[in-house]
C-alpha cells in the first residue's frame, strides 16, 4: 500500500509540474501578437511610403492598407496577451519586449488600443481621397502606436 501511495503521489507531482511547465509556454501567444504587430507595420509602411514620396500615391492601395490597419486594430487580442508572458518572465527574455506593466496598468493599455482604433478609423476614411488625407492622419496613428509602445514595451537590447 505504501508503494502504491508513493507512486500515486509521484504521478500527481509529475502531472502538476508538467501542467505548470505547459502553462508557462507562451510561444504561440507571443508569435501571434508579433504577427499582428507586423501587420500593423506593413500597412503603416505602405502609407508612410506614399507620404514620403517613396511610393506613388495610389488611392486603391492606400484604402486597402488603411482598412487592413483598421481590421487588425479591431481584432480582439486578449488571448494573445496572457498574464505572465512578458520579458521579465523566466525564459522569455529576448522572446518578447512586453513589460509586466501591461497587466498591472491594463486600463491604460485598453485606452491606447481604443486610440489606435480611432486613428485607424479616420485614416481609413481619408486614405482613398488623396495623399493629403494620409498625411493629415499619419501623426495620430503613430501617436496611438507610441501610446502603448513607449510605456509598455522594453527597448531593444
N, C-alpha and C. Protein backbone atom coordinates (compact mmCIF):
# COMPACT_ATOMS: atom_id res chain seq x y z
N UNK A 1 0.82 -1.19 0.00
CA UNK A 1 0.00 0.00 0.00
C UNK A 1 0.87 1.26 0.00
N UNK A 2 1.97 1.25 0.79
CA UNK A 2 2.85 2.40 0.84
C UNK A 2 3.47 2.67 -0.52
N UNK A 3 3.84 1.60 -1.24
CA UNK A 3 4.44 1.77 -2.56
C UNK A 3 3.43 2.38 -3.53
N UNK A 4 2.19 1.91 -3.44
CA UNK A 4 1.14 2.44 -4.31
C UNK A 4 0.90 3.92 -4.01
N UNK A 5 0.85 4.28 -2.74
CA UNK A 5 0.62 5.67 -2.34
C UNK A 5 1.79 6.55 -2.81
N UNK A 6 3.00 6.09 -2.64
CA UNK A 6 4.17 6.84 -3.09
C UNK A 6 4.14 7.01 -4.61
N UNK A 7 3.77 5.94 -5.31
CA UNK A 7 3.66 6.01 -6.77
C UNK A 7 2.59 7.02 -7.20
N UNK A 8 1.44 7.00 -6.54
CA UNK A 8 0.34 7.90 -6.87
C UNK A 8 0.74 9.35 -6.61
N UNK A 9 1.41 9.60 -5.49
CA UNK A 9 1.87 10.96 -5.18
C UNK A 9 2.89 11.43 -6.22
N UNK A 10 3.79 10.54 -6.60
CA UNK A 10 4.79 10.88 -7.61
C UNK A 10 4.12 11.24 -8.94
N UNK A 11 3.11 10.48 -9.33
CA UNK A 11 2.39 10.78 -10.56
C UNK A 11 1.68 12.13 -10.48
N UNK A 12 1.08 12.41 -9.33
CA UNK A 12 0.38 13.67 -9.17
C UNK A 12 1.35 14.85 -9.25
N UNK A 13 2.50 14.72 -8.60
CA UNK A 13 3.50 15.79 -8.63
C UNK A 13 4.01 15.98 -10.06
N UNK A 14 4.28 14.88 -10.76
CA UNK A 14 4.76 14.96 -12.14
C UNK A 14 3.72 15.63 -13.03
N UNK A 15 2.46 15.28 -12.85
CA UNK A 15 1.39 15.88 -13.65
C UNK A 15 1.28 17.37 -13.36
N UNK A 16 1.39 17.75 -12.10
CA UNK A 16 1.31 19.16 -11.73
C UNK A 16 2.47 19.94 -12.33
N UNK A 17 3.69 19.39 -12.22
CA UNK A 17 4.85 20.06 -12.79
C UNK A 17 4.73 20.16 -14.31
N UNK A 18 4.20 19.12 -14.93
CA UNK A 18 4.03 19.13 -16.38
C UNK A 18 3.04 20.21 -16.79
N UNK A 19 1.95 20.35 -16.04
CA UNK A 19 0.96 21.39 -16.34
C UNK A 19 1.56 22.77 -16.13
N UNK A 20 2.35 22.94 -15.09
CA UNK A 20 2.97 24.24 -14.82
C UNK A 20 3.93 24.60 -15.94
N UNK A 21 4.70 23.62 -16.41
CA UNK A 21 5.64 23.88 -17.49
C UNK A 21 4.88 24.22 -18.77
N UNK A 22 3.79 23.51 -19.00
CA UNK A 22 2.98 23.78 -20.20
C UNK A 22 2.32 25.15 -20.10
N UNK A 23 1.86 25.52 -18.93
CA UNK A 23 1.18 26.81 -18.76
C UNK A 23 2.14 27.97 -19.02
N UNK A 24 3.42 27.77 -18.77
CA UNK A 24 4.41 28.84 -18.95
C UNK A 24 4.90 28.96 -20.39
N UNK A 25 4.44 28.08 -21.28
CA UNK A 25 4.84 28.15 -22.68
C UNK A 25 3.92 29.12 -23.40
N UNK A 26 4.42 30.32 -23.63
CA UNK A 26 3.63 31.36 -24.28
C UNK A 26 4.08 31.59 -25.72
N UNK A 27 4.77 30.63 -26.30
CA UNK A 27 5.34 30.83 -27.63
C UNK A 27 4.27 31.11 -28.69
N UNK A 28 3.14 30.44 -28.62
CA UNK A 28 2.09 30.67 -29.62
C UNK A 28 1.49 32.07 -29.46
N UNK A 29 1.27 32.47 -28.23
CA UNK A 29 0.69 33.79 -27.99
C UNK A 29 1.64 34.90 -28.43
N UNK A 30 2.91 34.74 -28.10
CA UNK A 30 3.90 35.75 -28.48
C UNK A 30 4.04 35.79 -30.00
N UNK A 31 4.07 34.64 -30.63
CA UNK A 31 4.16 34.60 -32.09
C UNK A 31 2.94 35.30 -32.72
N UNK A 32 1.76 35.06 -32.19
CA UNK A 32 0.54 35.67 -32.73
C UNK A 32 0.56 37.19 -32.57
N UNK A 33 0.96 37.68 -31.40
CA UNK A 33 0.94 39.13 -31.22
C UNK A 33 2.04 39.81 -32.03
N UNK A 34 3.16 39.14 -32.23
CA UNK A 34 4.19 39.69 -33.11
C UNK A 34 3.69 39.75 -34.54
N UNK A 35 2.89 38.77 -34.94
CA UNK A 35 2.32 38.77 -36.28
C UNK A 35 1.37 39.94 -36.45
N UNK A 36 0.58 40.23 -35.44
CA UNK A 36 -0.33 41.38 -35.52
C UNK A 36 0.48 42.67 -35.64
N UNK A 37 1.55 42.79 -34.87
CA UNK A 37 2.40 43.98 -34.95
C UNK A 37 3.02 44.10 -36.34
N UNK A 38 3.37 42.98 -36.96
CA UNK A 38 3.91 43.01 -38.31
C UNK A 38 2.85 43.47 -39.31
N UNK A 39 1.61 43.06 -39.09
CA UNK A 39 0.53 43.55 -39.95
C UNK A 39 0.37 45.06 -39.82
N UNK A 40 0.41 45.54 -38.59
CA UNK A 40 0.36 47.00 -38.39
C UNK A 40 1.50 47.66 -39.16
N UNK A 41 2.70 47.17 -38.92
CA UNK A 41 3.89 47.79 -39.51
C UNK A 41 3.86 47.75 -41.04
N UNK A 42 3.44 46.64 -41.61
CA UNK A 42 3.40 46.53 -43.07
C UNK A 42 2.44 47.55 -43.65
N UNK A 43 1.26 47.63 -43.10
CA UNK A 43 0.25 48.54 -43.64
C UNK A 43 0.59 50.00 -43.38
N UNK A 44 1.10 50.31 -42.21
CA UNK A 44 1.55 51.68 -41.94
C UNK A 44 2.71 52.01 -42.85
N UNK A 45 3.58 51.05 -43.11
CA UNK A 45 4.71 51.26 -44.01
C UNK A 45 4.28 51.61 -45.41
N UNK A 46 3.21 50.98 -45.90
CA UNK A 46 2.68 51.31 -47.21
C UNK A 46 2.22 52.77 -47.25
N UNK A 47 1.52 53.17 -46.22
CA UNK A 47 1.03 54.55 -46.14
C UNK A 47 2.19 55.53 -45.99
N UNK A 48 3.16 55.17 -45.16
CA UNK A 48 4.33 56.04 -44.96
C UNK A 48 5.10 56.23 -46.26
N UNK A 49 5.23 55.17 -47.05
CA UNK A 49 5.95 55.28 -48.32
C UNK A 49 5.25 56.26 -49.25
N UNK A 50 3.95 56.27 -49.23
CA UNK A 50 3.20 57.23 -50.06
C UNK A 50 3.39 58.65 -49.55
N UNK A 51 3.34 58.81 -48.23
CA UNK A 51 3.51 60.14 -47.63
C UNK A 51 4.90 60.69 -47.94
N UNK A 52 5.92 59.85 -47.89
CA UNK A 52 7.30 60.28 -48.10
C UNK A 52 7.69 60.36 -49.58
N UNK A 53 6.77 59.98 -50.45
CA UNK A 53 7.07 60.01 -51.88
C UNK A 53 7.94 58.87 -52.35
N UNK A 54 8.15 57.86 -51.53
CA UNK A 54 8.95 56.71 -51.92
C UNK A 54 8.13 55.71 -52.74
N UNK A 55 6.84 55.94 -52.75
CA UNK A 55 5.92 55.10 -53.50
C UNK A 55 4.85 56.04 -54.04
N UNK A 56 4.49 55.91 -55.29
CA UNK A 56 3.46 56.82 -55.81
C UNK A 56 2.13 56.62 -55.08
N UNK A 57 1.43 57.71 -54.86
CA UNK A 57 0.13 57.61 -54.22
C UNK A 57 -0.81 56.82 -55.12
N UNK A 58 -1.49 55.86 -54.52
CA UNK A 58 -2.47 55.04 -55.23
C UNK A 58 -3.68 54.94 -54.30
N UNK A 59 -4.79 55.51 -54.71
CA UNK A 59 -5.97 55.57 -53.86
C UNK A 59 -6.43 54.18 -53.43
N UNK A 60 -6.45 53.24 -54.35
CA UNK A 60 -6.90 51.88 -54.01
C UNK A 60 -5.95 51.22 -53.01
N UNK A 61 -4.66 51.32 -53.27
CA UNK A 61 -3.67 50.71 -52.37
C UNK A 61 -3.69 51.38 -51.00
N UNK A 62 -3.86 52.69 -50.98
CA UNK A 62 -3.93 53.41 -49.70
C UNK A 62 -5.16 52.98 -48.91
N UNK A 63 -6.27 52.83 -49.60
CA UNK A 63 -7.50 52.39 -48.92
C UNK A 63 -7.35 50.98 -48.38
N UNK A 64 -6.74 50.10 -49.16
CA UNK A 64 -6.52 48.72 -48.70
C UNK A 64 -5.64 48.72 -47.45
N UNK A 65 -4.53 49.44 -47.50
CA UNK A 65 -3.62 49.47 -46.36
C UNK A 65 -4.31 50.05 -45.12
N UNK A 66 -5.04 51.13 -45.29
CA UNK A 66 -5.71 51.76 -44.16
C UNK A 66 -6.81 50.86 -43.59
N UNK A 67 -7.54 50.20 -44.48
CA UNK A 67 -8.60 49.30 -44.00
C UNK A 67 -8.02 48.04 -43.35
N UNK A 68 -6.87 47.56 -43.85
CA UNK A 68 -6.20 46.43 -43.20
C UNK A 68 -5.74 46.83 -41.79
N UNK A 69 -5.19 48.02 -41.68
CA UNK A 69 -4.76 48.52 -40.37
C UNK A 69 -5.96 48.58 -39.42
N UNK A 70 -7.06 49.10 -39.91
CA UNK A 70 -8.27 49.19 -39.08
C UNK A 70 -8.76 47.80 -38.68
N UNK A 71 -8.76 46.87 -39.60
CA UNK A 71 -9.20 45.50 -39.29
C UNK A 71 -8.31 44.87 -38.21
N UNK A 72 -7.01 45.05 -38.34
CA UNK A 72 -6.09 44.49 -37.34
C UNK A 72 -6.27 45.18 -35.99
N UNK A 73 -6.48 46.49 -36.00
CA UNK A 73 -6.68 47.23 -34.75
C UNK A 73 -7.96 46.79 -34.05
N UNK A 74 -8.96 46.39 -34.82
CA UNK A 74 -10.23 45.95 -34.24
C UNK A 74 -10.21 44.50 -33.77
N UNK A 75 -9.16 43.78 -34.08
CA UNK A 75 -9.07 42.37 -33.69
C UNK A 75 -9.03 42.24 -32.17
N UNK A 76 -9.80 41.33 -31.63
CA UNK A 76 -9.76 41.05 -30.19
C UNK A 76 -8.48 40.26 -29.91
N UNK A 77 -7.59 40.84 -29.11
CA UNK A 77 -6.27 40.26 -28.92
C UNK A 77 -6.03 39.70 -27.51
N UNK A 78 -7.02 39.66 -26.68
CA UNK A 78 -6.79 39.29 -25.28
C UNK A 78 -6.14 37.91 -25.14
N UNK A 79 -6.47 36.97 -26.00
CA UNK A 79 -5.87 35.62 -25.89
C UNK A 79 -4.38 35.64 -26.22
N UNK A 80 -3.91 36.69 -26.90
CA UNK A 80 -2.51 36.79 -27.26
C UNK A 80 -1.66 37.40 -26.16
N UNK A 81 -2.32 37.90 -25.13
CA UNK A 81 -1.63 38.64 -24.08
C UNK A 81 -1.90 38.05 -22.69
N UNK A 82 -1.61 36.76 -22.47
CA UNK A 82 -1.86 36.21 -21.14
C UNK A 82 -0.89 36.78 -20.10
N UNK A 83 -1.40 36.97 -18.93
CA UNK A 83 -0.58 37.48 -17.83
C UNK A 83 0.62 36.56 -17.64
N UNK A 84 1.78 37.15 -17.48
CA UNK A 84 2.99 36.38 -17.28
C UNK A 84 3.79 36.14 -18.55
N UNK A 85 3.30 36.67 -19.68
CA UNK A 85 4.01 36.46 -20.95
C UNK A 85 4.84 37.68 -21.32
N UNK A 86 5.47 38.24 -20.30
CA UNK A 86 6.29 39.44 -20.51
C UNK A 86 7.77 39.09 -20.47
N UNK A 87 8.59 40.04 -20.85
CA UNK A 87 10.04 39.82 -20.96
C UNK A 87 10.70 39.48 -19.64
N UNK A 88 10.08 39.85 -18.51
CA UNK A 88 10.70 39.56 -17.22
C UNK A 88 10.37 38.14 -16.73
N UNK A 89 9.50 37.44 -17.43
CA UNK A 89 9.15 36.07 -17.03
C UNK A 89 10.30 35.13 -17.35
N UNK A 90 10.48 34.10 -16.54
CA UNK A 90 11.57 33.15 -16.79
C UNK A 90 11.50 32.56 -18.19
N UNK A 91 12.61 32.65 -18.90
CA UNK A 91 12.72 32.07 -20.22
C UNK A 91 12.18 32.93 -21.36
N UNK A 92 11.64 34.10 -21.06
CA UNK A 92 11.05 34.92 -22.12
C UNK A 92 11.89 36.14 -22.49
N UNK A 93 12.98 36.37 -21.78
CA UNK A 93 13.85 37.48 -22.13
C UNK A 93 14.39 37.25 -23.54
N UNK A 94 14.25 38.23 -24.38
CA UNK A 94 14.69 38.11 -25.76
C UNK A 94 13.63 37.57 -26.69
N UNK A 95 12.55 37.02 -26.15
CA UNK A 95 11.47 36.49 -26.99
C UNK A 95 10.32 37.48 -27.12
N UNK A 96 10.24 38.40 -26.18
CA UNK A 96 9.22 39.44 -26.21
C UNK A 96 9.79 40.68 -25.56
N UNK A 97 9.24 41.82 -25.92
CA UNK A 97 9.65 43.07 -25.29
C UNK A 97 8.53 43.62 -24.41
N UNK A 98 7.47 42.86 -24.25
CA UNK A 98 6.35 43.31 -23.43
C UNK A 98 6.79 43.45 -21.97
N UNK A 99 6.38 44.55 -21.36
CA UNK A 99 6.67 44.76 -19.95
C UNK A 99 5.53 44.22 -19.09
N UNK A 100 5.84 43.82 -17.87
CA UNK A 100 4.82 43.30 -16.96
C UNK A 100 3.77 44.35 -16.62
N UNK A 101 4.10 45.63 -16.79
CA UNK A 101 3.16 46.71 -16.50
C UNK A 101 1.89 46.62 -17.35
N UNK A 102 1.94 45.90 -18.44
CA UNK A 102 0.75 45.77 -19.30
C UNK A 102 -0.42 45.27 -18.47
N UNK A 103 -0.18 44.30 -17.60
CA UNK A 103 -1.27 43.70 -16.85
C UNK A 103 -1.62 44.48 -15.60
N UNK A 104 -0.65 45.13 -14.99
CA UNK A 104 -0.95 45.90 -13.78
C UNK A 104 -1.57 47.25 -14.11
N UNK A 105 -1.39 47.71 -15.34
CA UNK A 105 -1.95 49.00 -15.76
C UNK A 105 -2.87 48.82 -16.97
N UNK A 106 -3.61 47.73 -16.95
CA UNK A 106 -4.40 47.38 -18.12
C UNK A 106 -5.35 48.48 -18.61
N UNK A 107 -6.00 49.25 -17.77
CA UNK A 107 -6.88 50.28 -18.34
C UNK A 107 -6.15 51.24 -19.29
N UNK A 108 -4.89 51.53 -19.01
CA UNK A 108 -4.12 52.41 -19.91
C UNK A 108 -3.86 51.72 -21.25
N UNK A 109 -3.62 50.42 -21.21
CA UNK A 109 -3.40 49.66 -22.44
C UNK A 109 -4.69 49.65 -23.27
N UNK A 110 -5.81 49.44 -22.61
CA UNK A 110 -7.10 49.43 -23.31
C UNK A 110 -7.38 50.79 -23.96
N UNK A 111 -7.05 51.85 -23.26
CA UNK A 111 -7.24 53.19 -23.82
C UNK A 111 -6.35 53.41 -25.04
N UNK A 112 -5.13 52.92 -24.97
CA UNK A 112 -4.22 53.04 -26.11
C UNK A 112 -4.78 52.26 -27.30
N UNK A 113 -5.34 51.09 -27.04
CA UNK A 113 -5.95 50.31 -28.11
C UNK A 113 -7.12 51.03 -28.75
N UNK A 114 -7.93 51.66 -27.92
CA UNK A 114 -9.06 52.45 -28.44
C UNK A 114 -8.55 53.63 -29.27
N UNK A 115 -7.44 54.21 -28.84
CA UNK A 115 -6.85 55.31 -29.59
C UNK A 115 -6.38 54.87 -30.97
N UNK A 116 -5.83 53.66 -31.05
CA UNK A 116 -5.40 53.15 -32.35
C UNK A 116 -6.61 52.91 -33.24
N UNK A 117 -7.67 52.35 -32.69
CA UNK A 117 -8.88 52.12 -33.50
C UNK A 117 -9.43 53.45 -34.01
N UNK A 118 -9.47 54.46 -33.15
CA UNK A 118 -9.98 55.78 -33.56
C UNK A 118 -9.11 56.39 -34.67
N UNK A 119 -7.80 56.32 -34.50
CA UNK A 119 -6.89 56.88 -35.51
C UNK A 119 -6.98 56.09 -36.81
N UNK A 120 -7.06 54.78 -36.72
CA UNK A 120 -7.15 53.94 -37.92
C UNK A 120 -8.49 54.16 -38.64
N UNK A 121 -9.54 54.42 -37.88
CA UNK A 121 -10.85 54.70 -38.48
C UNK A 121 -10.78 55.97 -39.32
N UNK A 122 -10.17 57.00 -38.77
CA UNK A 122 -10.03 58.26 -39.51
C UNK A 122 -9.12 58.07 -40.73
N UNK A 123 -8.07 57.30 -40.55
CA UNK A 123 -7.16 57.05 -41.67
C UNK A 123 -7.89 56.30 -42.79
N UNK A 124 -8.68 55.30 -42.43
CA UNK A 124 -9.40 54.52 -43.43
C UNK A 124 -10.40 55.39 -44.20
N UNK A 125 -10.99 56.33 -43.51
CA UNK A 125 -11.96 57.22 -44.16
C UNK A 125 -11.27 58.19 -45.13
N UNK A 126 -10.05 58.55 -44.85
CA UNK A 126 -9.36 59.58 -45.65
C UNK A 126 -8.37 59.04 -46.66
N UNK A 127 -7.87 57.83 -46.49
CA UNK A 127 -6.75 57.34 -47.29
C UNK A 127 -7.01 57.32 -48.79
N UNK A 128 -8.21 57.04 -49.19
CA UNK A 128 -8.51 56.95 -50.62
C UNK A 128 -8.79 58.29 -51.28
N UNK A 129 -8.69 59.37 -50.50
CA UNK A 129 -9.05 60.70 -51.01
C UNK A 129 -7.84 61.59 -51.28
N UNK A 130 -6.70 61.00 -51.43
CA UNK A 130 -5.51 61.79 -51.72
C UNK A 130 -4.45 61.64 -50.64
N UNK A 131 -3.22 61.90 -51.03
CA UNK A 131 -2.10 61.74 -50.10
C UNK A 131 -2.22 62.71 -48.91
N UNK A 132 -2.87 63.84 -49.13
CA UNK A 132 -3.04 64.79 -48.02
C UNK A 132 -3.89 64.20 -46.90
N UNK A 133 -4.83 63.35 -47.26
CA UNK A 133 -5.64 62.67 -46.24
C UNK A 133 -4.81 61.73 -45.38
N UNK A 134 -3.85 61.08 -46.02
CA UNK A 134 -2.94 60.20 -45.26
C UNK A 134 -2.06 61.06 -44.35
N UNK A 135 -1.49 62.11 -44.93
CA UNK A 135 -0.62 62.99 -44.16
C UNK A 135 -1.34 63.56 -42.94
N UNK A 136 -2.57 63.96 -43.12
CA UNK A 136 -3.33 64.58 -42.03
C UNK A 136 -3.60 63.63 -40.88
N UNK A 137 -3.61 62.33 -41.16
CA UNK A 137 -3.95 61.35 -40.14
C UNK A 137 -2.77 60.49 -39.67
N UNK A 138 -1.64 60.67 -40.33
CA UNK A 138 -0.49 59.82 -40.04
C UNK A 138 0.04 60.02 -38.61
N UNK A 139 0.10 61.26 -38.17
CA UNK A 139 0.60 61.55 -36.82
C UNK A 139 -0.25 60.90 -35.74
N UNK A 140 -1.56 60.88 -35.94
CA UNK A 140 -2.45 60.27 -34.95
C UNK A 140 -2.23 58.77 -34.86
N UNK A 141 -2.00 58.14 -36.00
CA UNK A 141 -1.74 56.69 -36.00
C UNK A 141 -0.43 56.41 -35.27
N UNK A 142 0.61 57.15 -35.61
CA UNK A 142 1.90 56.97 -34.94
C UNK A 142 1.81 57.25 -33.45
N UNK A 143 1.07 58.28 -33.10
CA UNK A 143 0.89 58.61 -31.69
C UNK A 143 0.16 57.52 -30.93
N UNK A 144 -0.81 56.88 -31.59
CA UNK A 144 -1.53 55.78 -30.95
C UNK A 144 -0.61 54.58 -30.71
N UNK A 145 0.24 54.31 -31.68
CA UNK A 145 1.20 53.21 -31.51
C UNK A 145 2.15 53.53 -30.34
N UNK A 146 2.65 54.76 -30.34
CA UNK A 146 3.59 55.20 -29.30
C UNK A 146 2.94 55.17 -27.92
N UNK A 147 1.65 55.44 -27.83
CA UNK A 147 0.96 55.47 -26.54
C UNK A 147 1.01 54.13 -25.83
N UNK A 148 1.16 53.07 -26.58
CA UNK A 148 1.29 51.74 -25.97
C UNK A 148 2.76 51.31 -25.91
N UNK A 149 3.48 51.53 -27.00
CA UNK A 149 4.86 51.05 -27.06
C UNK A 149 5.77 51.75 -26.05
N UNK A 150 5.63 53.04 -25.90
CA UNK A 150 6.55 53.76 -25.02
C UNK A 150 6.46 53.27 -23.56
N UNK A 151 5.28 53.17 -22.97
CA UNK A 151 5.24 52.74 -21.58
C UNK A 151 5.26 51.22 -21.37
N UNK A 152 4.87 50.44 -22.39
CA UNK A 152 4.66 49.01 -22.16
C UNK A 152 5.54 48.09 -22.98
N UNK A 153 6.52 48.64 -23.67
CA UNK A 153 7.44 47.82 -24.45
C UNK A 153 8.86 48.19 -24.08
N UNK A 154 9.64 47.19 -23.75
CA UNK A 154 11.04 47.41 -23.38
C UNK A 154 11.85 47.77 -24.63
N UNK A 155 12.90 48.55 -24.47
CA UNK A 155 13.74 48.90 -25.62
C UNK A 155 14.47 47.66 -26.14
N UNK A 156 14.89 47.76 -27.40
CA UNK A 156 15.69 46.67 -27.98
C UNK A 156 17.01 46.59 -27.25
N UNK A 157 17.51 45.38 -27.13
CA UNK A 157 18.81 45.18 -26.47
C UNK A 157 19.91 45.10 -27.48
